Protein backbone atom coordinates (compact mmCIF):
# COMPACT_ATOMS: atom_id res chain seq x y z
CA MET A 1 25.15 -8.64 8.70
CA SER A 2 26.32 -5.02 9.46
CA ASP A 3 23.77 -2.69 10.62
CA LEU A 4 24.64 -0.61 7.84
CA ALA A 5 23.78 -3.12 5.27
CA ALA A 6 20.74 -3.95 7.31
CA ASN A 7 19.25 -0.69 7.14
CA VAL A 8 20.35 -0.16 3.21
CA VAL A 9 18.37 -3.55 2.64
CA GLY A 10 15.32 -2.50 4.77
CA THR A 11 15.11 0.89 3.19
CA ALA A 12 15.38 -0.31 -0.16
CA ALA A 13 12.56 -2.82 0.56
CA ALA A 14 10.32 -0.01 2.23
CA LEU A 15 10.76 2.42 -0.69
CA CYS A 16 9.86 -0.45 -3.21
CA SER A 17 6.73 -1.12 -1.03
CA ILE A 18 5.65 2.13 -1.05
CA THR A 19 6.40 3.00 -4.88
CA SER A 20 4.96 -0.25 -6.03
CA PHE A 21 1.62 1.15 -5.90
CA ALA A 22 2.31 4.31 -7.76
CA PRO A 23 1.91 2.86 -11.43
CA GLN A 24 -1.60 1.44 -10.69
CA MET A 25 -2.61 4.41 -9.11
CA ILE A 26 -1.53 6.80 -11.92
CA LYS A 27 -2.99 4.39 -14.46
CA ILE A 28 -6.20 4.20 -12.88
CA TRP A 29 -6.02 8.25 -12.51
CA LYS A 30 -5.52 8.69 -16.01
CA GLU A 31 -7.96 6.50 -17.31
CA ARG A 32 -10.66 6.83 -14.85
CA ASP A 33 -11.31 3.23 -14.94
CA ALA A 34 -10.31 0.71 -12.09
CA SER A 35 -12.21 -2.19 -13.45
CA SER A 36 -9.35 -4.36 -13.83
CA VAL A 37 -8.23 -3.96 -10.17
CA SER A 38 -9.32 -6.23 -7.63
CA LEU A 39 -11.21 -5.32 -4.70
CA LYS A 40 -10.76 -8.28 -2.73
CA THR A 41 -6.80 -8.21 -3.39
CA TYR A 42 -6.77 -4.41 -2.41
CA SER A 43 -8.96 -4.58 0.68
CA LEU A 44 -6.66 -7.39 1.96
CA THR A 45 -3.93 -5.53 1.22
CA VAL A 46 -4.80 -2.61 3.17
CA ILE A 47 -5.71 -4.83 6.21
CA CYS A 48 -2.30 -6.03 5.85
CA PHE A 49 -0.66 -2.58 6.20
CA VAL A 50 -2.98 -1.60 8.99
CA LEU A 51 -2.08 -4.86 10.90
CA TRP A 52 1.68 -4.28 10.22
CA THR A 53 1.38 -0.43 11.01
CA THR A 54 -0.29 -1.71 14.36
CA TYR A 55 2.57 -4.20 15.17
CA GLY A 56 5.00 -1.36 14.50
CA VAL A 57 3.60 0.65 17.03
CA LEU A 58 2.91 -1.90 19.50
CA THR A 59 6.48 -3.12 19.40
CA GLY A 60 7.96 0.29 18.80
CA ALA A 61 9.42 -0.32 15.77
CA TRP A 62 9.27 2.81 14.35
CA PRO A 63 10.88 2.04 10.67
CA ILE A 64 8.01 -0.83 10.52
CA VAL A 65 5.21 1.95 11.43
CA ILE A 66 6.65 4.50 8.95
CA ALA A 67 7.16 2.17 5.93
CA ASN A 68 3.77 0.44 6.58
CA ALA A 69 1.96 3.56 7.12
CA CYS A 70 3.17 4.99 3.87
CA ALA A 71 2.30 1.81 1.77
CA LEU A 72 -1.03 1.71 3.61
CA VAL A 73 -1.72 5.24 2.42
CA MET A 74 -0.91 4.19 -1.26
CA ALA A 75 -2.79 1.10 -1.20
CA ALA A 76 -5.88 2.75 0.42
CA GLY A 77 -5.55 5.40 -2.58
CA VAL A 78 -5.78 2.58 -4.99
CA LEU A 79 -9.06 1.13 -3.36
CA ALA A 80 -10.53 4.39 -2.84
CA MET A 81 -10.09 5.00 -6.58
CA LYS A 82 -11.56 1.49 -7.18
CA TRP A 83 -14.75 2.43 -5.49
CA ARG A 84 -14.76 5.94 -7.26
CA PHE A 85 -14.17 4.98 -10.80
CA ASP A 86 -15.92 1.55 -10.50
CA GLY A 87 -19.04 2.75 -9.59
CA PRO A 88 -22.01 0.65 -8.32
CA ARG A 89 -22.63 -2.55 -10.38
CA SER A 90 -25.87 -3.81 -11.68
CA ALA A 91 -26.83 -7.33 -10.29
């Protein structure tokens, strides 16, 4: 595969990863309700992006760092809204 084709595919993948969280963030913000969001799933997703970003830094793979750091911000935003709008639950 040519470098151009690989870069196009990589850029498209990064943009999809980053923007995939936007609809969830917008929905939570508008409705002020995050009850349908899985805390475990988004916690694991945030950990995943932290690990990928760290991997990118350690290996000097800056496209991986940038893409995963941006996705980390988006996923962490959903997680923060989960904590904010879900509130404490009674046992």
